[in-house]
PDB file of all heavy atoms in Angstrom:
ATOM      1  N   GLU A   1     -33.707 -84.384  32.714  1.00  0.00           N
ATOM      2  CA  GLU A   1     -34.380 -84.974  33.846  1.00  0.00           C
ATOM      3  C   GLU A   1     -34.442 -84.118  35.100  1.00  0.00           C
ATOM      4  O   GLU A   1     -35.420 -83.987  35.900  1.00  0.00           O
ATOM      5  CB  GLU A   1     -33.676 -86.319  34.249  1.00  0.00           C
ATOM      6  CG  GLU A   1     -34.465 -87.112  35.134  1.00  0.00           C
ATOM      7  CD  GLU A   1     -35.928 -87.558  34.697  1.00  0.00           C
ATOM      8  OE1 GLU A   1     -36.094 -87.807  33.559  1.00  0.00           O
ATOM      9  OE2 GLU A   1     -36.832 -87.622  35.589  1.00  0.00           O
ATOM     10  N   ASN A   2     -33.336 -83.488  35.370  1.00  0.00           N
ATOM     11  CA  ASN A   2     -33.199 -82.590  36.644  1.00  0.00           C
ATOM     12  C   ASN A   2     -34.165 -81.415  36.446  1.00  0.00           C
ATOM     13  O   ASN A   2     -34.862 -81.014  37.394  1.00  0.00           O
ATOM     14  CB  ASN A   2     -31.795 -82.060  36.693  1.00  0.00           C
ATOM     15  CG  ASN A   2     -31.605 -81.236  37.864  1.00  0.00           C
ATOM     16  OD1 ASN A   2     -31.931 -81.668  39.095  1.00  0.00           O
ATOM     17  ND2 ASN A   2     -31.131 -79.954  37.781  1.00  0.00           N
ATOM     18  N   ASP A   3     -34.321 -80.857  35.244  1.00  0.00           N
ATOM     19  CA  ASP A   3     -35.209 -79.763  35.051  1.00  0.00           C
ATOM     20  C   ASP A   3     -36.678 -80.226  35.190  1.00  0.00           C
ATOM     21  O   ASP A   3     -37.465 -79.582  35.768  1.00  0.00           O
ATOM     22  CB  ASP A   3     -35.033 -79.144  33.671  1.00  0.00           C
ATOM     23  CG  ASP A   3     -33.764 -78.273  33.597  1.00  0.00           C
ATOM     24  OD1 ASP A   3     -33.378 -77.656  34.659  1.00  0.00           O
ATOM     25  OD2 ASP A   3     -33.037 -78.428  32.651  1.00  0.00           O
ATOM     26  N   LEU A   4     -36.951 -81.383  34.724  1.00  0.00           N
ATOM     27  CA  LEU A   4     -38.292 -81.990  34.816  1.00  0.00           C
ATOM     28  C   LEU A   4     -38.659 -82.172  36.260  1.00  0.00           C
ATOM     29  O   LEU A   4     -39.801 -81.855  36.696  1.00  0.00           O
ATOM     30  CB  LEU A   4     -38.294 -83.266  34.108  1.00  0.00           C
ATOM     31  CG  LEU A   4     -39.779 -83.951  33.847  1.00  0.00           C
ATOM     32  CD1 LEU A   4     -40.669 -82.959  33.206  1.00  0.00           C
ATOM     33  CD2 LEU A   4     -39.649 -85.199  33.131  1.00  0.00           C
ATOM     34  N   GLU A   5     -37.669 -82.572  37.034  1.00  0.00           N
ATOM     35  CA  GLU A   5     -37.954 -82.788  38.516  1.00  0.00           C
ATOM     36  C   GLU A   5     -38.236 -81.493  39.239  1.00  0.00           C
ATOM     37  O   GLU A   5     -39.215 -81.331  40.021  1.00  0.00           O
ATOM     38  CB  GLU A   5     -36.708 -83.466  39.218  1.00  0.00           C
ATOM     39  CG  GLU A   5     -36.716 -84.950  38.951  1.00  0.00           C
ATOM     40  CD  GLU A   5     -35.416 -85.528  39.602  1.00  0.00           C
ATOM     41  OE1 GLU A   5     -34.989 -85.077  40.660  1.00  0.00           O
ATOM     42  OE2 GLU A   5     -34.928 -86.460  38.956  1.00  0.00           O
ATOM     43  N   ILE A   6     -37.444 -80.462  38.885  1.00  0.00           N
ATOM     44  CA  ILE A   6     -37.623 -79.118  39.419  1.00  0.00           C
ATOM     45  C   ILE A   6     -38.941 -78.542  39.024  1.00  0.00           C
ATOM     46  O   ILE A   6     -39.767 -78.002  39.872  1.00  0.00           O
ATOM     47  CB  ILE A   6     -36.513 -78.133  38.988  1.00  0.00           C
ATOM     48  CG1 ILE A   6     -35.145 -78.580  39.667  1.00  0.00           C
ATOM     49  CG2 ILE A   6     -36.855 -76.697  39.344  1.00  0.00           C
ATOM     50  CD1 ILE A   6     -33.918 -77.907  39.160  1.00  0.00           C
ATOM     51  N   LEU A   7     -39.301 -78.670  37.789  1.00  0.00           N
ATOM     52  CA  LEU A   7     -40.542 -78.026  37.183  1.00  0.00           C
ATOM     53  C   LEU A   7     -41.748 -78.836  37.823  1.00  0.00           C
ATOM     54  O   LEU A   7     -42.847 -78.267  38.042  1.00  0.00           O
ATOM     55  CB  LEU A   7     -40.589 -78.083  35.759  1.00  0.00           C
ATOM     56  CG  LEU A   7     -39.497 -77.093  35.168  1.00  0.00           C
ATOM     57  CD1 LEU A   7     -39.447 -77.337  33.660  1.00  0.00           C
ATOM     58  CD2 LEU A   7     -39.939 -75.657  35.404  1.00  0.00           C
ATOM     59  N   THR A   8     -41.665 -80.164  38.064  1.00  0.00           N
ATOM     60  CA  THR A   8     -42.721 -80.936  38.638  1.00  0.00           C
ATOM     61  C   THR A   8     -42.933 -80.479  40.066  1.00  0.00           C
ATOM     62  O   THR A   8     -44.096 -80.321  40.505  1.00  0.00           O
ATOM     63  CB  THR A   8     -42.336 -82.440  38.646  1.00  0.00           C
ATOM     64  OG1 THR A   8     -42.294 -82.941  37.254  1.00  0.00           O
ATOM     65  CG2 THR A   8     -43.475 -83.240  39.357  1.00  0.00           C
ATOM     66  N   LYS A   9     -41.867 -80.254  40.820  1.00  0.00           N
ATOM     67  CA  LYS A   9     -42.077 -79.766  42.247  1.00  0.00           C
ATOM     68  C   LYS A   9     -42.663 -78.345  42.254  1.00  0.00           C
ATOM     69  O   LYS A   9     -43.504 -78.075  43.071  1.00  0.00           O
ATOM     70  CB  LYS A   9     -40.742 -79.749  42.988  1.00  0.00           C
ATOM     71  CG  LYS A   9     -40.195 -81.108  43.317  1.00  0.00           C
ATOM     72  CD  LYS A   9     -38.839 -81.059  43.883  1.00  0.00           C
ATOM     73  CE  LYS A   9     -38.251 -82.419  44.071  1.00  0.00           C
ATOM     74  NZ  LYS A   9     -36.886 -82.420  44.612  1.00  0.00           N
ATOM     75  N   TYR A  10     -42.205 -77.545  41.268  1.00  0.00           N
ATOM     76  CA  TYR A  10     -42.829 -76.112  41.156  1.00  0.00           C
ATOM     77  C   TYR A  10     -44.334 -76.323  40.860  1.00  0.00           C
ATOM     78  O   TYR A  10     -45.125 -75.663  41.534  1.00  0.00           O
ATOM     79  CB  TYR A  10     -42.110 -75.417  40.013  1.00  0.00           C
ATOM     80  CG  TYR A  10     -42.913 -74.237  39.477  1.00  0.00           C
ATOM     81  CD1 TYR A  10     -42.848 -73.006  40.080  1.00  0.00           C
ATOM     82  CD2 TYR A  10     -43.689 -74.415  38.309  1.00  0.00           C
ATOM     83  CE1 TYR A  10     -43.548 -71.962  39.628  1.00  0.00           C
ATOM     84  CE2 TYR A  10     -44.342 -73.359  37.833  1.00  0.00           C
ATOM     85  CZ  TYR A  10     -44.377 -72.092  38.461  1.00  0.00           C
ATOM     86  OH  TYR A  10     -45.094 -71.042  37.935  1.00  0.00           O
ATOM     87  N   ALA A  11     -44.695 -77.156  39.870  1.00  0.00           N
ATOM     88  CA  ALA A  11     -46.057 -77.366  39.528  1.00  0.00           C
ATOM     89  C   ALA A  11     -46.958 -77.869  40.661  1.00  0.00           C
ATOM     90  O   ALA A  11     -48.119 -77.452  40.774  1.00  0.00           O
ATOM     91  CB  ALA A  11     -46.151 -78.306  38.281  1.00  0.00           C
ATOM     92  N   GLU A  12     -46.430 -78.760  41.389  1.00  0.00           N
ATOM     93  CA  GLU A  12     -47.103 -79.325  42.575  1.00  0.00           C
ATOM     94  C   GLU A  12     -47.433 -78.143  43.599  1.00  0.00           C
ATOM     95  O   GLU A  12     -48.566 -78.076  44.088  1.00  0.00           O
ATOM     96  CB  GLU A  12     -46.300 -80.383  43.217  1.00  0.00           C
ATOM     97  CG  GLU A  12     -46.321 -81.695  42.456  1.00  0.00           C
ATOM     98  CD  GLU A  12     -45.330 -82.699  42.963  1.00  0.00           C
ATOM     99  OE1 GLU A  12     -44.451 -82.445  43.814  1.00  0.00           O
ATOM    100  OE2 GLU A  12     -45.325 -83.830  42.406  1.00  0.00           O
ATOM    101  N   LYS A  13     -46.492 -77.303  43.813  1.00  0.00           N
ATOM    102  CA  LYS A  13     -46.649 -76.214  44.732  1.00  0.00           C
ATOM    103  C   LYS A  13     -47.726 -75.192  44.193  1.00  0.00           C
ATOM    104  O   LYS A  13     -48.638 -74.833  44.933  1.00  0.00           O
ATOM    105  CB  LYS A  13     -45.300 -75.430  44.933  1.00  0.00           C
ATOM    106  CG  LYS A  13     -44.293 -76.289  45.656  1.00  0.00           C
ATOM    107  CD  LYS A  13     -44.710 -76.639  47.073  1.00  0.00           C
ATOM    108  CE  LYS A  13     -43.701 -77.490  47.794  1.00  0.00           C
ATOM    109  NZ  LYS A  13     -44.191 -77.948  49.097  1.00  0.00           N
ATOM    110  N   ILE A  14     -47.686 -74.844  42.893  1.00  0.00           N
ATOM    111  CA  ILE A  14     -48.612 -73.824  42.442  1.00  0.00           C
ATOM    112  C   ILE A  14     -49.982 -74.435  42.314  1.00  0.00           C
ATOM    113  O   ILE A  14     -51.052 -73.851  42.364  1.00  0.00           O
ATOM    114  CB  ILE A  14     -48.167 -73.095  41.150  1.00  0.00           C
ATOM    115  CG1 ILE A  14     -48.054 -74.099  39.858  1.00  0.00           C
ATOM    116  CG2 ILE A  14     -46.919 -72.265  41.390  1.00  0.00           C
ATOM    117  CD1 ILE A  14     -47.988 -73.376  38.665  1.00  0.00           C
ATOM    118  N   GLY A  15     -50.018 -75.697  42.062  1.00  0.00           N
ATOM    119  CA  GLY A  15     -51.330 -76.526  41.962  1.00  0.00           C
ATOM    120  C   GLY A  15     -52.039 -76.433  43.287  1.00  0.00           C
ATOM    121  O   GLY A  15     -53.218 -76.171  43.334  1.00  0.00           O
ATOM    122  N   LEU A  16     -51.267 -76.724  44.345  1.00  0.00           N
ATOM    123  CA  LEU A  16     -51.898 -76.736  45.675  1.00  0.00           C
ATOM    124  C   LEU A  16     -52.210 -75.260  46.066  1.00  0.00           C
ATOM    125  O   LEU A  16     -53.358 -75.028  46.626  1.00  0.00           O
ATOM    126  CB  LEU A  16     -50.979 -77.290  46.735  1.00  0.00           C
ATOM    127  CG  LEU A  16     -51.616 -77.556  48.081  1.00  0.00           C
ATOM    128  CD1 LEU A  16     -52.768 -78.394  48.033  1.00  0.00           C
ATOM    129  CD2 LEU A  16     -50.557 -78.160  49.060  1.00  0.00           C
ATOM    130  N   ALA A  17     -51.367 -74.325  45.750  1.00  0.00           N
ATOM    131  CA  ALA A  17     -51.638 -72.910  46.051  1.00  0.00           C
ATOM    132  C   ALA A  17     -52.918 -72.476  45.264  1.00  0.00           C
ATOM    133  O   ALA A  17     -53.679 -71.704  45.850  1.00  0.00           O
ATOM    134  CB  ALA A  17     -50.455 -72.026  45.525  1.00  0.00           C
ATOM    135  N   PHE A  18     -53.127 -72.918  44.101  1.00  0.00           N
ATOM    136  CA  PHE A  18     -54.303 -72.545  43.320  1.00  0.00           C
ATOM    137  C   PHE A  18     -55.552 -72.953  44.092  1.00  0.00           C
ATOM    138  O   PHE A  18     -56.532 -72.188  44.268  1.00  0.00           O
ATOM    139  CB  PHE A  18     -54.347 -73.207  41.917  1.00  0.00           C
ATOM    140  CG  PHE A  18     -55.451 -72.747  40.984  1.00  0.00           C
ATOM    141  CD1 PHE A  18     -55.220 -71.670  40.124  1.00  0.00           C
ATOM    142  CD2 PHE A  18     -56.662 -73.257  41.119  1.00  0.00           C
ATOM    143  CE1 PHE A  18     -56.229 -71.314  39.359  1.00  0.00           C
ATOM    144  CE2 PHE A  18     -57.726 -72.886  40.298  1.00  0.00           C
ATOM    145  CZ  PHE A  18     -57.449 -71.873  39.377  1.00  0.00           C
ATOM    146  N   GLN A  19     -55.595 -74.153  44.624  1.00  0.00           N
ATOM    147  CA  GLN A  19     -56.704 -74.618  45.333  1.00  0.00           C
ATOM    148  C   GLN A  19     -56.855 -73.935  46.639  1.00  0.00           C
ATOM    149  O   GLN A  19     -58.076 -73.565  47.048  1.00  0.00           O
ATOM    150  CB  GLN A  19     -56.611 -76.211  45.577  1.00  0.00           C
ATOM    151  CG  GLN A  19     -57.884 -76.764  46.257  1.00  0.00           C
ATOM    152  CD  GLN A  19     -59.061 -76.588  45.409  1.00  0.00           C
ATOM    153  OE1 GLN A  19     -59.071 -76.887  44.266  1.00  0.00           O
ATOM    154  NE2 GLN A  19     -60.140 -75.981  45.946  1.00  0.00           N
ATOM    155  N   ILE A  20     -55.796 -73.633  47.380  1.00  0.00           N
ATOM    156  CA  ILE A  20     -55.949 -72.872  48.635  1.00  0.00           C
ATOM    157  C   ILE A  20     -56.569 -71.500  48.299  1.00  0.00           C
ATOM    158  O   ILE A  20     -57.454 -71.028  49.058  1.00  0.00           O
ATOM    159  CB  ILE A  20     -54.559 -72.706  49.343  1.00  0.00           C
ATOM    160  CG1 ILE A  20     -54.104 -74.144  49.737  1.00  0.00           C
ATOM    161  CG2 ILE A  20     -54.663 -71.795  50.541  1.00  0.00           C
ATOM    162  CD1 ILE A  20     -52.652 -74.180  50.246  1.00  0.00           C
ATOM    163  N   ARG A  21     -56.031 -70.858  47.307  1.00  0.00           N
ATOM    164  CA  ARG A  21     -56.537 -69.503  46.938  1.00  0.00           C
ATOM    165  C   ARG A  21     -58.003 -69.647  46.556  1.00  0.00           C
ATOM    166  O   ARG A  21     -58.889 -68.804  46.896  1.00  0.00           O
ATOM    167  CB  ARG A  21     -55.787 -68.933  45.756  1.00  0.00           C
ATOM    168  CG  ARG A  21     -56.199 -67.544  45.358  1.00  0.00           C
ATOM    169  CD  ARG A  21     -56.049 -66.611  46.434  1.00  0.00           C
ATOM    170  NE  ARG A  21     -56.525 -65.189  46.045  1.00  0.00           N
ATOM    171  CZ  ARG A  21     -56.773 -64.257  46.882  1.00  0.00           C
ATOM    172  NH1 ARG A  21     -56.581 -64.456  48.131  1.00  0.00           N
ATOM    173  NH2 ARG A  21     -57.239 -63.080  46.451  1.00  0.00           N
ATOM    174  N   ASP A  22     -58.448 -70.681  45.800  1.00  0.00           N
ATOM    175  CA  ASP A  22     -59.804 -70.904  45.484  1.00  0.00           C
ATOM    176  C   ASP A  22     -60.649 -71.093  46.767  1.00  0.00           C
ATOM    177  O   ASP A  22     -61.757 -70.458  46.801  1.00  0.00           O
ATOM    178  CB  ASP A  22     -59.985 -72.171  44.683  1.00  0.00           C
ATOM    179  CG  ASP A  22     -61.228 -72.266  43.865  1.00  0.00           C
ATOM    180  OD1 ASP A  22     -61.419 -71.274  43.050  1.00  0.00           O
ATOM    181  OD2 ASP A  22     -61.986 -73.206  43.981  1.00  0.00           O
ATOM    182  N   ASP A  23     -60.188 -71.749  47.702  1.00  0.00           N
ATOM    183  CA  ASP A  23     -60.916 -71.966  49.012  1.00  0.00           C
ATOM    184  C   ASP A  23     -61.026 -70.587  49.689  1.00  0.00           C
ATOM    185  O   ASP A  23     -62.139 -70.287  50.344  1.00  0.00           O
ATOM    186  CB  ASP A  23     -60.190 -72.955  49.853  1.00  0.00           C
ATOM    187  CG  ASP A  23     -60.381 -74.362  49.389  1.00  0.00           C
ATOM    188  OD1 ASP A  23     -61.025 -74.623  48.322  1.00  0.00           O
ATOM    189  OD2 ASP A  23     -59.611 -75.230  49.972  1.00  0.00           O
ATOM    190  N   ILE A  24     -59.984 -69.787  49.662  1.00  0.00           N
ATOM    191  CA  ILE A  24     -60.050 -68.472  50.240  1.00  0.00           C
ATOM    192  C   ILE A  24     -61.070 -67.593  49.584  1.00  0.00           C
ATOM    193  O   ILE A  24     -61.863 -66.893  50.155  1.00  0.00           O
ATOM    194  CB  ILE A  24     -58.613 -67.781  50.318  1.00  0.00           C
ATOM    195  CG1 ILE A  24     -57.724 -68.574  51.186  1.00  0.00           C
ATOM    196  CG2 ILE A  24     -58.696 -66.322  50.671  1.00  0.00           C
ATOM    197  CD1 ILE A  24     -56.206 -68.221  51.090  1.00  0.00           C
ATOM    198  N   LEU A  25     -60.970 -67.647  48.251  1.00  0.00           N
ATOM    199  CA  LEU A  25     -61.909 -66.771  47.518  1.00  0.00           C
ATOM    200  C   LEU A  25     -63.384 -67.215  47.696  1.00  0.00           C
ATOM    201  O   LEU A  25     -64.301 -66.381  47.618  1.00  0.00           O
ATOM    202  CB  LEU A  25     -61.639 -66.831  45.974  1.00  0.00           C
ATOM    203  CG  LEU A  25     -60.287 -66.026  45.586  1.00  0.00           C
ATOM    204  CD1 LEU A  25     -59.985 -66.347  44.060  1.00  0.00           C
ATOM    205  CD2 LEU A  25     -60.486 -64.646  45.809  1.00  0.00           C
ATOM    206  N   SER A  26     -63.577 -68.539  47.864  1.00  0.00           N
ATOM    207  CA  SER A  26     -64.945 -69.019  48.223  1.00  0.00           C
ATOM    208  C   SER A  26     -65.453 -68.571  49.542  1.00  0.00           C
ATOM    209  O   SER A  26     -66.627 -68.528  49.799  1.00  0.00           O
ATOM    210  CB  SER A  26     -64.962 -70.561  48.198  1.00  0.00           C
ATOM    211  OG  SER A  26     -64.779 -71.000  46.820  1.00  0.00           O
ATOM    212  N   GLU A  27     -64.539 -68.000  50.296  1.00  0.00           N
ATOM    213  CA  GLU A  27     -64.954 -67.533  51.646  1.00  0.00           C
ATOM    214  C   GLU A  27     -65.068 -66.010  51.651  1.00  0.00           C
ATOM    215  O   GLU A  27     -65.997 -65.454  52.259  1.00  0.00           O
ATOM    216  CB  GLU A  27     -63.830 -68.010  52.675  1.00  0.00           C
ATOM    217  CG  GLU A  27     -64.075 -67.522  54.039  1.00  0.00           C
ATOM    218  CD  GLU A  27     -65.283 -68.283  54.736  1.00  0.00           C
ATOM    219  OE1 GLU A  27     -65.588 -69.401  54.284  1.00  0.00           O
ATOM    220  OE2 GLU A  27     -65.787 -67.850  55.710  1.00  0.00           O
ATOM    221  N   ILE A  28     -64.092 -65.395  51.017  1.00  0.00           N
ATOM    222  CA  ILE A  28     -64.078 -63.895  51.144  1.00  0.00           C
ATOM    223  C   ILE A  28     -64.081 -63.152  49.864  1.00  0.00           C
ATOM    224  O   ILE A  28     -63.880 -61.941  49.775  1.00  0.00           O
ATOM    225  CB  ILE A  28     -62.911 -63.422  52.025  1.00  0.00           C
ATOM    226  CG1 ILE A  28     -61.523 -63.792  51.390  1.00  0.00           C
ATOM    227  CG2 ILE A  28     -63.027 -63.951  53.441  1.00  0.00           C
ATOM    228  CD1 ILE A  28     -60.333 -63.183  51.868  1.00  0.00           C
ATOM    229  N   GLY A  29     -64.159 -63.838  48.674  1.00  0.00           N
ATOM    230  CA  GLY A  29     -64.143 -63.194  47.429  1.00  0.00           C
ATOM    231  C   GLY A  29     -65.319 -62.355  47.069  1.00  0.00           C
ATOM    232  O   GLY A  29     -66.260 -62.347  47.847  1.00  0.00           O
ATOM    233  N   ASP A  30     -65.285 -61.582  45.973  1.00  0.00           N
ATOM    234  CA  ASP A  30     -66.368 -60.841  45.544  1.00  0.00           C
ATOM    235  C   ASP A  30     -67.211 -61.687  44.594  1.00  0.00           C
ATOM    236  O   ASP A  30     -66.677 -62.090  43.532  1.00  0.00           O
ATOM    237  CB  ASP A  30     -65.706 -59.690  44.762  1.00  0.00           C
ATOM    238  CG  ASP A  30     -66.796 -58.607  44.240  1.00  0.00           C
ATOM    239  OD1 ASP A  30     -67.921 -59.042  43.966  1.00  0.00           O
ATOM    240  OD2 ASP A  30     -66.442 -57.481  44.103  1.00  0.00           O
ATOM    241  N   GLU A  31     -68.406 -61.878  44.857  1.00  0.00           N
ATOM    242  CA  GLU A  31     -69.303 -62.703  44.136  1.00  0.00           C
ATOM    243  C   GLU A  31     -69.438 -62.232  42.603  1.00  0.00           C
ATOM    244  O   GLU A  31     -69.506 -62.971  41.778  1.00  0.00           O
ATOM    245  CB  GLU A  31     -70.677 -62.754  44.706  1.00  0.00           C
ATOM    246  CG  GLU A  31     -70.760 -63.582  45.951  1.00  0.00           C
ATOM    247  CD  GLU A  31     -72.182 -63.804  46.501  1.00  0.00           C
ATOM    248  OE1 GLU A  31     -73.148 -63.595  45.766  1.00  0.00           O
ATOM    249  OE2 GLU A  31     -72.290 -64.249  47.695  1.00  0.00           O
ATOM    250  N   LYS A  32     -69.377 -60.888  42.482  1.00  0.00           N
ATOM    251  CA  LYS A  32     -69.538 -60.293  41.096  1.00  0.00           C
ATOM    252  C   LYS A  32     -68.325 -60.679  40.307  1.00  0.00           C
ATOM    253  O   LYS A  32     -68.403 -60.918  39.094  1.00  0.00           O
ATOM    254  CB  LYS A  32     -69.743 -58.867  41.168  1.00  0.00           C
ATOM    255  CG  LYS A  32     -71.098 -58.397  41.716  1.00  0.00           C
ATOM    256  CD  LYS A  32     -71.209 -56.943  41.870  1.00  0.00           C
ATOM    257  CE  LYS A  32     -72.565 -56.667  42.462  1.00  0.00           C
ATOM    258  NZ  LYS A  32     -72.736 -55.188  42.742  1.00  0.00           N
TER     259      LYS A  32
END
């Protein structure tokens, strides 16, 4: 259970980070 909690928090962080990076790439990424 403790590991599941830790991994859930980790996943929430990388999930939000993925979206933030996606928003950044939508602004300054390389279209190609």
